[in-house]
Amino acid sequence: MLPASETGRIWGDSISERLDGARSLSGSMLAAVHEDFCEGCPVAVWPYGSATSINPLLVTLGPSPGRSPDGRVADPAGKPLDLPTAGVKHPHTAYEDRKRFWCKIRGLASTVIQSDTTSSEDSYALFGNMNLNPNRSGRASDVEIDPVFGEWVLRTIRDKLRPRFVVCLGLKRKPEAVELLSRVFDGFDTARPHAQYPLKCYQERRYVFQEWDCKGPQGNEIKVVLWPQHPSRSPLTNLEIWRGACQEFSERHRGLIRP
């Protein structure tokens, strides 16, 4: 168990405090965090598709890892990932895939998590990507979400990672995912978003950000967002439109995290 003073720094709303707190952890302290994180995990060690630091300010959440491998390396699917990192980016967030998914979500992280002194590497150290199913699939509609595994993921995000933002990608039309979000995040009701904002950078069809302001058991505030579209689907396949969506979101909520 970490001292309360360390917990407040590591999982607070300040970029610099989260970074400094994570980087100051001793080996034994980080081992204790890992033991706590892995408690109750339905798969061995740490699941594939869960690439995160211990204290991300931003978590992107999808139905499952995609099927667009990095052509330079052997497909790692089915292997557990490295445990969450402390003060540095998770190595899997550097993944390069043909559909540029990881490039896009790294861009979201660096756009949202920024201050006058924050580097891209600092932003990636406060970023994580999680999935409700650890098995690879190229189509969200084909993914069957195990409620036990999915609930463990969401409770791990809410109670242990404690991000300020959870950005849900490709979950709008997954009823079982929406049900899990409603069960775990108090105040999440898909029929009653707390706010809706149009995607301004694309006018040919109406897309919206749907947002809910939720709290975890420790009182940590979490903004849960259903993103307008998955980055691998039109119109967000267009990199400029994706960047525009990230910029709109960042500018709207810049005051929610401190430097």
C-alpha atoms as a PDB file:
ATOM      1  CA  MET A   1       0.000   0.000   0.000  1.00  0.00           C
ATOM      2  CA  LEU A   2       1.419   3.369  -1.016  1.00  0.00           C
ATOM      3  CA  PRO A   3       1.359   6.343   1.404  1.00  0.00           C
ATOM      4  CA  ALA A   4      -1.626   8.641   0.912  1.00  0.00           C
ATOM      5  CA  SER A   5       0.683  11.505  -0.051  1.00  0.00           C
ATOM      6  CA  GLU A   6       2.143   9.444  -2.908  1.00  0.00           C
ATOM      7  CA  THR A   7      -1.286   8.268  -4.050  1.00  0.00           C
ATOM      8  CA  GLY A   8      -2.473  11.868  -4.277  1.00  0.00           C
ATOM      9  CA  ARG A   9       0.450  12.821  -6.485  1.00  0.00           C
ATOM     10  CA  ILE A  10       0.536   9.771  -8.714  1.00  0.00           C
ATOM     11  CA  TRP A  11      -3.202   9.770  -9.468  1.00  0.00           C
ATOM     12  CA  GLY A  12      -4.023  13.477  -9.251  1.00  0.00           C
ATOM     13  CA  ASP A  13      -4.963  15.911 -12.028  1.00  0.00           C
ATOM     14  CA  SER A  14      -1.490  17.379 -12.576  1.00  0.00           C
ATOM     15  CA  ILE A  15       0.746  16.302 -15.454  1.00  0.00           C
ATOM     16  CA  SER A  16       3.978  17.072 -13.618  1.00  0.00           C
ATOM     17  CA  GLU A  17       2.866  15.476 -10.348  1.00  0.00           C
ATOM     18  CA  ARG A  18       1.766  12.266 -12.059  1.00  0.00           C
ATOM     19  CA  LEU A  19       5.073  12.065 -13.894  1.00  0.00           C
ATOM     20  CA  ASP A  20       7.237  12.926 -10.877  1.00  0.00           C
ATOM     21  CA  GLY A  21       5.296  10.611  -8.573  1.00  0.00           C
ATOM     22  CA  ALA A  22       5.538   7.647 -10.935  1.00  0.00           C
ATOM     23  CA  ARG A  23       9.232   8.248 -11.606  1.00  0.00           C
ATOM     24  CA  SER A  24      10.026   8.417  -7.895  1.00  0.00           C
ATOM     25  CA  LEU A  25       8.595   4.971  -7.102  1.00  0.00           C
ATOM     26  CA  SER A  26      11.095   2.459  -5.788  1.00  0.00           C
ATOM     27  CA  GLY A  27      11.270  -1.010  -7.286  1.00  0.00           C
ATOM     28  CA  SER A  28       9.406  -2.491  -4.329  1.00  0.00           C
ATOM     29  CA  MET A  29       6.697   0.173  -4.528  1.00  0.00           C
ATOM     30  CA  LEU A  30       6.154  -0.465  -8.231  1.00  0.00           C
ATOM     31  CA  ALA A  31       6.018  -4.204  -7.565  1.00  0.00           C
ATOM     32  CA  ALA A  32       3.263  -3.564  -5.011  1.00  0.00           C
ATOM     33  CA  VAL A  33       1.337  -1.492  -7.576  1.00  0.00           C
ATOM     34  CA  HIS A  34       1.676  -4.289 -10.127  1.00  0.00           C
ATOM     35  CA  GLU A  35       0.480  -6.894  -7.641  1.00  0.00           C
ATOM     36  CA  ASP A  36      -2.558  -4.760  -6.889  1.00  0.00           C
ATOM     37  CA  PHE A  37      -3.282  -4.171 -10.582  1.00  0.00           C
ATOM     38  CA  CYS A  38      -3.087  -7.869 -11.462  1.00  0.00           C
ATOM     39  CA  GLU A  39      -5.359  -8.999  -8.647  1.00  0.00           C
ATOM     40  CA  GLY A  40      -8.389 -10.743 -10.128  1.00  0.00           C
ATOM     41  CA  CYS A  41      -7.163 -10.468 -13.718  1.00  0.00           C
ATOM     42  CA  PRO A  42      -9.016 -13.176 -15.682  1.00  0.00           C
ATOM     43  CA  VAL A  43      -6.002 -13.910 -17.917  1.00  0.00           C
ATOM     44  CA  ALA A  44      -2.421 -14.734 -17.015  1.00  0.00           C
ATOM     45  CA  VAL A  45      -0.140 -11.931 -15.916  1.00  0.00           C
ATOM     46  CA  TRP A  46      -1.331  -8.928 -17.964  1.00  0.00           C
ATOM     47  CA  PRO A  47      -3.673  -9.169 -20.964  1.00  0.00           C
ATOM     48  CA  TYR A  48      -2.801  -8.488 -24.570  1.00  0.00           C
ATOM     49  CA  GLY A  49      -4.356  -5.196 -25.649  1.00  0.00           C
ATOM     50  CA  SER A  50      -3.756  -3.497 -22.281  1.00  0.00           C
ATOM     51  CA  ALA A  51      -0.865  -1.143 -23.054  1.00  0.00           C
ATOM     52  CA  THR A  52      -0.732   1.524 -20.382  1.00  0.00           C
ATOM     53  CA  SER A  53       1.262   3.278 -17.733  1.00  0.00           C
ATOM     54  CA  ILE A  54       0.177   2.925 -14.099  1.00  0.00           C
ATOM     55  CA  ASN A  55      -1.357   6.415 -14.038  1.00  0.00           C
ATOM     56  CA  PRO A  56      -2.559   7.569 -17.457  1.00  0.00           C
ATOM     57  CA  LEU A  57      -4.484  10.827 -17.661  1.00  0.00           C
ATOM     58  CA  LEU A  58      -6.042   9.552 -20.892  1.00  0.00           C
ATOM     59  CA  VAL A  59      -7.185   5.998 -21.657  1.00  0.00           C
ATOM     60  CA  THR A  60      -8.534   4.987 -25.042  1.00  0.00           C
ATOM     61  CA  LEU A  61     -10.887   2.004 -24.819  1.00  0.00           C
ATOM     62  CA  GLY A  62     -11.854  -0.301 -27.670  1.00  0.00           C
ATOM     63  CA  PRO A  63     -13.681  -3.607 -28.124  1.00  0.00           C
ATOM     64  CA  SER A  64     -10.505  -5.580 -28.951  1.00  0.00           C
ATOM     65  CA  PRO A  65      -7.025  -5.239 -30.443  1.00  0.00           C
ATOM     66  CA  GLY A  66      -7.159  -4.887 -34.210  1.00  0.00           C
ATOM     67  CA  ARG A  67      -5.801  -7.180 -36.896  1.00  0.00           C
ATOM     68  CA  SER A  68      -3.448  -4.766 -38.643  1.00  0.00           C
ATOM     69  CA  PRO A  69       0.017  -6.045 -37.662  1.00  0.00           C
ATOM     70  CA  ASP A  70       3.327  -4.280 -37.864  1.00  0.00           C
ATOM     71  CA  GLY A  71       4.918  -5.844 -40.920  1.00  0.00           C
ATOM     72  CA  ARG A  72       8.402  -5.555 -39.418  1.00  0.00           C
ATOM     73  CA  VAL A  73       7.803  -7.853 -36.443  1.00  0.00           C
ATOM     74  CA  ALA A  74       6.154 -11.176 -35.675  1.00  0.00           C
ATOM     75  CA  ASP A  75       2.497 -10.876 -34.729  1.00  0.00           C
ATOM     76  CA  PRO A  76       2.479 -10.734 -30.905  1.00  0.00           C
ATOM     77  CA  ALA A  77      -1.194 -11.611 -30.472  1.00  0.00           C
ATOM     78  CA  GLY A  78      -1.873 -14.079 -27.705  1.00  0.00           C
ATOM     79  CA  LYS A  79       1.164 -13.103 -25.689  1.00  0.00           C
ATOM     80  CA  PRO A  80       0.780 -11.107 -22.477  1.00  0.00           C
ATOM     81  CA  LEU A  81       1.979  -7.526 -22.645  1.00  0.00           C
ATOM     82  CA  ASP A  82       4.530  -5.905 -20.365  1.00  0.00           C
ATOM     83  CA  LEU A  83       3.093  -4.747 -17.064  1.00  0.00           C
ATOM     84  CA  PRO A  84       2.066  -1.076 -16.789  1.00  0.00           C
ATOM     85  CA  THR A  85       5.011   1.291 -16.805  1.00  0.00           C
ATOM     86  CA  ALA A  86       5.845   4.086 -14.338  1.00  0.00           C
ATOM     87  CA  GLY A  87       6.932   7.460 -15.685  1.00  0.00           C
ATOM     88  CA  VAL A  88       7.741   6.189 -19.184  1.00  0.00           C
ATOM     89  CA  LYS A  89       5.594   5.124 -22.120  1.00  0.00           C
ATOM     90  CA  HIS A  90       4.462   1.527 -22.380  1.00  0.00           C
ATOM     91  CA  PRO A  91       6.582  -0.076 -25.130  1.00  0.00           C
ATOM     92  CA  HIS A  92       3.529  -1.352 -27.017  1.00  0.00           C
ATOM     93  CA  THR A  93       2.252   2.208 -27.548  1.00  0.00           C
ATOM     94  CA  ALA A  94       5.106   2.633 -30.067  1.00  0.00           C
ATOM     95  CA  TYR A  95       3.487  -0.039 -32.262  1.00  0.00           C
ATOM     96  CA  GLU A  96       3.157   0.849 -35.950  1.00  0.00           C
ATOM     97  CA  ASP A  97       0.296  -0.691 -37.906  1.00  0.00           C
ATOM     98  CA  ARG A  98      -0.860  -0.349 -41.492  1.00  0.00           C
ATOM     99  CA  LYS A  99      -4.088   1.415 -40.576  1.00  0.00           C
ATOM    100  CA  ARG A 100      -2.177   3.978 -38.475  1.00  0.00           C
ATOM    101  CA  PHE A 101      -4.380   3.326 -35.442  1.00  0.00           C
ATOM    102  CA  TRP A 102      -1.498   3.712 -32.990  1.00  0.00           C
ATOM    103  CA  CYS A 103      -0.233   6.807 -34.761  1.00  0.00           C
ATOM    104  CA  LYS A 104      -3.672   8.374 -34.357  1.00  0.00           C
ATOM    105  CA  ILE A 105      -4.161   7.583 -30.694  1.00  0.00           C
ATOM    106  CA  ARG A 106      -0.627   8.741 -29.883  1.00  0.00           C
ATOM    107  CA  GLY A 107      -1.601  11.982 -31.604  1.00  0.00           C
ATOM    108  CA  LEU A 108      -4.685  12.213 -29.395  1.00  0.00           C
ATOM    109  CA  ALA A 109      -2.528  11.716 -26.292  1.00  0.00           C
ATOM    110  CA  SER A 110       0.004  14.387 -27.248  1.00  0.00           C
ATOM    111  CA  THR A 111      -2.800  16.818 -28.148  1.00  0.00           C
ATOM    112  CA  VAL A 112      -4.713  16.387 -24.875  1.00  0.00           C
ATOM    113  CA  ILE A 113      -1.813  15.940 -22.420  1.00  0.00           C
ATOM    114  CA  GLN A 114       0.263  19.035 -22.944  1.00  0.00           C
ATOM    115  CA  SER A 115       1.799  21.947 -21.096  1.00  0.00           C
ATOM    116  CA  ASP A 116       4.642  24.385 -21.747  1.00  0.00           C
ATOM    117  CA  THR A 117       7.155  21.828 -20.482  1.00  0.00           C
ATOM    118  CA  THR A 118       5.537  18.545 -21.631  1.00  0.00           C
ATOM    119  CA  SER A 119       7.268  16.541 -24.347  1.00  0.00           C
ATOM    120  CA  SER A 120       5.622  13.924 -26.544  1.00  0.00           C
ATOM    121  CA  GLU A 121       7.373  11.229 -24.500  1.00  0.00           C
ATOM    122  CA  ASP A 122       5.866  12.700 -21.319  1.00  0.00           C
ATOM    123  CA  SER A 123       2.413  12.590 -22.919  1.00  0.00           C
ATOM    124  CA  TYR A 124       2.863   8.949 -23.899  1.00  0.00           C
ATOM    125  CA  ALA A 125       3.955   8.162 -20.324  1.00  0.00           C
ATOM    126  CA  LEU A 126       0.515   9.360 -19.168  1.00  0.00           C
ATOM    127  CA  PHE A 127      -1.455   7.456 -21.772  1.00  0.00           C
ATOM    128  CA  GLY A 128      -2.952   3.987 -22.031  1.00  0.00           C
ATOM    129  CA  ASN A 129      -4.970   1.887 -24.436  1.00  0.00           C
ATOM    130  CA  MET A 130      -7.256  -0.845 -23.080  1.00  0.00           C
ATOM    131  CA  ASN A 131      -9.661  -3.289 -24.715  1.00  0.00           C
ATOM    132  CA  LEU A 132     -12.742  -5.147 -23.515  1.00  0.00           C
ATOM    133  CA  ASN A 133     -11.558  -8.365 -25.186  1.00  0.00           C
ATOM    134  CA  PRO A 134      -7.888  -9.469 -25.377  1.00  0.00           C
ATOM    135  CA  ASN A 135      -8.317 -11.377 -28.668  1.00  0.00           C
ATOM    136  CA  ARG A 136      -7.526  -9.718 -31.975  1.00  0.00           C
ATOM    137  CA  SER A 137     -10.348  -8.831 -34.364  1.00  0.00           C
ATOM    138  CA  GLY A 138     -10.536  -6.559 -37.378  1.00  0.00           C
ATOM    139  CA  ARG A 139     -14.263  -5.851 -36.994  1.00  0.00           C
ATOM    140  CA  ALA A 140     -15.865  -4.459 -33.834  1.00  0.00           C
ATOM    141  CA  SER A 141     -19.171  -6.094 -34.802  1.00  0.00           C
ATOM    142  CA  ASP A 142     -17.501  -9.535 -34.612  1.00  0.00           C
ATOM    143  CA  VAL A 143     -16.165  -9.058 -31.092  1.00  0.00           C
ATOM    144  CA  GLU A 144     -17.905 -10.974 -28.326  1.00  0.00           C
ATOM    145  CA  ILE A 145     -17.273  -9.284 -24.996  1.00  0.00           C
ATOM    146  CA  ASP A 146     -16.857 -11.573 -22.006  1.00  0.00           C
ATOM    147  CA  PRO A 147     -18.662  -9.678 -19.229  1.00  0.00           C
ATOM    148  CA  VAL A 148     -16.244 -10.954 -16.567  1.00  0.00           C
ATOM    149  CA  PHE A 149     -13.161  -9.795 -18.454  1.00  0.00           C
ATOM    150  CA  GLY A 150     -14.837  -6.571 -19.617  1.00  0.00           C
ATOM    151  CA  GLU A 151     -15.920  -5.619 -16.116  1.00  0.00           C
ATOM    152  CA  TRP A 152     -12.416  -6.311 -14.772  1.00  0.00           C
ATOM    153  CA  VAL A 153     -10.993  -3.950 -17.422  1.00  0.00           C
ATOM    154  CA  LEU A 154     -13.442  -1.162 -16.592  1.00  0.00           C
ATOM    155  CA  ARG A 155     -12.951  -1.481 -12.838  1.00  0.00           C
ATOM    156  CA  THR A 156      -9.185  -1.488 -13.339  1.00  0.00           C
ATOM    157  CA  ILE A 157      -9.512   1.745 -15.305  1.00  0.00           C
ATOM    158  CA  ARG A 158     -11.877   3.351 -12.796  1.00  0.00           C
ATOM    159  CA  ASP A 159     -10.220   2.297  -9.537  1.00  0.00           C
ATOM    160  CA  LYS A 160      -6.533   1.739 -10.367  1.00  0.00           C
ATOM    161  CA  LEU A 161      -5.454   3.643 -13.478  1.00  0.00           C
ATOM    162  CA  ARG A 162      -7.774   6.550 -12.543  1.00  0.00           C
ATOM    163  CA  PRO A 163      -7.531   8.566 -15.776  1.00  0.00           C
ATOM    164  CA  ARG A 164      -9.171  11.955 -16.217  1.00  0.00           C
ATOM    165  CA  PHE A 165     -10.505  10.904 -19.643  1.00  0.00           C
ATOM    166  CA  VAL A 166     -11.766   7.572 -20.974  1.00  0.00           C
ATOM    167  CA  VAL A 167     -12.268   7.830 -24.738  1.00  0.00           C
ATOM    168  CA  CYS A 168     -14.370   4.941 -26.061  1.00  0.00           C
ATOM    169  CA  LEU A 169     -13.643   3.967 -29.662  1.00  0.00           C
ATOM    170  CA  GLY A 170     -16.033   1.795 -31.645  1.00  0.00           C
ATOM    171  CA  LEU A 171     -18.334   1.068 -28.683  1.00  0.00           C
ATOM    172  CA  LYS A 172     -21.434   3.103 -29.601  1.00  0.00           C
ATOM    173  CA  ARG A 173     -23.097   0.154 -31.328  1.00  0.00           C
ATOM    174  CA  LYS A 174     -21.964  -2.530 -28.880  1.00  0.00           C
ATOM    175  CA  PRO A 175     -24.906  -3.001 -26.452  1.00  0.00           C
ATOM    176  CA  GLU A 176     -22.936  -5.296 -24.148  1.00  0.00           C
ATOM    177  CA  ALA A 177     -20.151  -2.702 -23.908  1.00  0.00           C
ATOM    178  CA  VAL A 178     -22.629   0.077 -23.152  1.00  0.00           C
ATOM    179  CA  GLU A 179     -24.223  -2.105 -20.469  1.00  0.00           C
ATOM    180  CA  LEU A 180     -20.848  -2.660 -18.828  1.00  0.00           C
ATOM    181  CA  LEU A 181     -20.080   1.060 -18.922  1.00  0.00           C
ATOM    182  CA  SER A 182     -23.440   1.750 -17.255  1.00  0.00           C
ATOM    183  CA  ARG A 183     -22.752  -0.860 -14.586  1.00  0.00           C
ATOM    184  CA  VAL A 184     -19.261   0.356 -13.680  1.00  0.00           C
ATOM    185  CA  PHE A 185     -19.379   4.121 -14.208  1.00  0.00           C
ATOM    186  CA  ASP A 186     -21.938   5.718 -11.926  1.00  0.00           C
ATOM    187  CA  GLY A 187     -23.872   8.341 -13.882  1.00  0.00           C
ATOM    188  CA  PHE A 188     -23.286   6.801 -17.301  1.00  0.00           C
ATOM    189  CA  ASP A 189     -26.610   6.451 -19.117  1.00  0.00           C
ATOM    190  CA  THR A 190     -26.345   6.094 -22.866  1.00  0.00           C
ATOM    191  CA  ALA A 191     -29.791   7.662 -23.317  1.00  0.00           C
ATOM    192  CA  ARG A 192     -28.839  10.744 -21.295  1.00  0.00           C
ATOM    193  CA  PRO A 193     -25.349  12.041 -22.079  1.00  0.00           C
ATOM    194  CA  HIS A 194     -24.352  14.960 -19.880  1.00  0.00           C
ATOM    195  CA  ALA A 195     -23.169  16.840 -22.976  1.00  0.00           C
ATOM    196  CA  GLN A 196     -23.080  16.412 -26.748  1.00  0.00           C
ATOM    197  CA  TYR A 197     -20.852  18.299 -29.154  1.00  0.00           C
ATOM    198  CA  PRO A 198     -20.891  18.128 -32.948  1.00  0.00           C
ATOM    199  CA  LEU A 199     -17.740  17.194 -34.840  1.00  0.00           C
ATOM    200  CA  LYS A 200     -17.176  20.608 -36.381  1.00  0.00           C
ATOM    201  CA  CYS A 201     -14.337  19.701 -38.735  1.00  0.00           C
ATOM    202  CA  TYR A 202     -16.586  17.416 -40.789  1.00  0.00           C
ATOM    203  CA  GLN A 203     -19.869  18.845 -42.056  1.00  0.00           C
ATOM    204  CA  GLU A 204     -21.026  16.330 -44.674  1.00  0.00           C
ATOM    205  CA  ARG A 205     -22.719  14.134 -42.067  1.00  0.00           C
ATOM    206  CA  ARG A 206     -23.553  14.727 -38.417  1.00  0.00           C
ATOM    207  CA  TYR A 207     -21.182  13.072 -35.940  1.00  0.00           C
ATOM    208  CA  VAL A 208     -21.131  13.915 -32.236  1.00  0.00           C
ATOM    209  CA  PHE A 209     -19.031  13.499 -29.117  1.00  0.00           C
ATOM    210  CA  GLN A 210     -21.195  12.138 -26.269  1.00  0.00           C
ATOM    211  CA  GLU A 211     -19.777  12.804 -22.789  1.00  0.00           C
ATOM    212  CA  TRP A 212     -20.545  11.842 -19.189  1.00  0.00           C
ATOM    213  CA  ASP A 213     -18.995  13.166 -15.970  1.00  0.00           C
ATOM    214  CA  CYS A 214     -18.467  10.238 -13.606  1.00  0.00           C
ATOM    215  CA  LYS A 215     -16.624   9.563 -10.343  1.00  0.00           C
ATOM    216  CA  GLY A 216     -14.698   6.608  -9.010  1.00  0.00           C
ATOM    217  CA  PRO A 217     -14.952   5.273  -5.441  1.00  0.00           C
ATOM    218  CA  GLN A 218     -11.934   7.376  -4.369  1.00  0.00           C
ATOM    219  CA  GLY A 219     -13.704  10.510  -5.607  1.00  0.00           C
ATOM    220  CA  ASN A 220     -11.594  10.662  -8.766  1.00  0.00           C
ATOM    221  CA  GLU A 221     -13.383  12.482 -11.573  1.00  0.00           C
ATOM    222  CA  ILE A 222     -13.536  10.694 -14.929  1.00  0.00           C
ATOM    223  CA  LYS A 223     -14.971  12.075 -18.151  1.00  0.00           C
ATOM    224  CA  VAL A 224     -16.253   9.142 -20.218  1.00  0.00           C
ATOM    225  CA  VAL A 225     -16.536   9.923 -23.926  1.00  0.00           C
ATOM    226  CA  LEU A 226     -18.128   8.052 -26.806  1.00  0.00           C
ATOM    227  CA  TRP A 227     -15.937   9.307 -29.648  1.00  0.00           C
ATOM    228  CA  PRO A 228     -17.803  10.238 -32.858  1.00  0.00           C
ATOM    229  CA  GLN A 229     -16.354   7.336 -34.847  1.00  0.00           C
ATOM    230  CA  HIS A 230     -13.619   4.708 -34.634  1.00  0.00           C
ATOM    231  CA  PRO A 231     -10.329   5.985 -36.140  1.00  0.00           C
ATOM    232  CA  SER A 232     -10.356   3.160 -38.706  1.00  0.00           C
ATOM    233  CA  ARG A 233     -13.788   4.206 -40.012  1.00  0.00           C
ATOM    234  CA  SER A 234     -14.754   7.081 -42.298  1.00  0.00           C
ATOM    235  CA  PRO A 235     -14.452  10.034 -41.926  1.00  0.00           C
ATOM    236  CA  LEU A 236     -11.714   9.559 -39.299  1.00  0.00           C
ATOM    237  CA  THR A 237      -9.625   7.502 -41.702  1.00  0.00           C
ATOM    238  CA  ASN A 238      -8.671  10.947 -43.010  1.00  0.00           C
ATOM    239  CA  LEU A 239      -5.712  12.001 -40.855  1.00  0.00           C
ATOM    240  CA  GLU A 240      -6.548  15.711 -41.051  1.00  0.00           C
ATOM    241  CA  ILE A 241     -10.112  15.123 -39.873  1.00  0.00           C
ATOM    242  CA  TRP A 242      -8.797  12.905 -37.066  1.00  0.00           C
ATOM    243  CA  ARG A 243      -6.423  15.663 -35.995  1.00  0.00           C
ATOM    244  CA  GLY A 244      -9.279  18.151 -36.125  1.00  0.00           C
ATOM    245  CA  ALA A 245     -11.390  15.937 -33.841  1.00  0.00           C
ATOM    246  CA  CYS A 246      -8.497  15.649 -31.372  1.00  0.00           C
ATOM    247  CA  GLN A 247      -7.958  19.406 -31.389  1.00  0.00           C
ATOM    248  CA  GLU A 248     -11.652  20.144 -30.826  1.00  0.00           C
ATOM    249  CA  PHE A 249     -11.766  17.783 -27.871  1.00  0.00           C
ATOM    250  CA  SER A 250      -8.541  19.099 -26.362  1.00  0.00           C
ATOM    251  CA  GLU A 251      -9.529  22.752 -26.631  1.00  0.00           C
ATOM    252  CA  ARG A 252     -12.908  22.038 -25.049  1.00  0.00           C
ATOM    253  CA  HIS A 253     -11.410  20.348 -21.969  1.00  0.00           C
ATOM    254  CA  ARG A 254      -7.950  21.829 -21.578  1.00  0.00           C
ATOM    255  CA  GLY A 255      -8.750  23.188 -18.108  1.00  0.00           C
ATOM    256  CA  LEU A 256      -9.488  19.762 -16.641  1.00  0.00           C
ATOM    257  CA  ILE A 257      -5.846  18.806 -16.172  1.00  0.00           C
ATOM    258  CA  ARG A 258      -3.183  20.954 -14.550  1.00  0.00           C
ATOM    259  CA  PRO A 259       0.381  21.367 -15.852  1.00  0.00           C
END
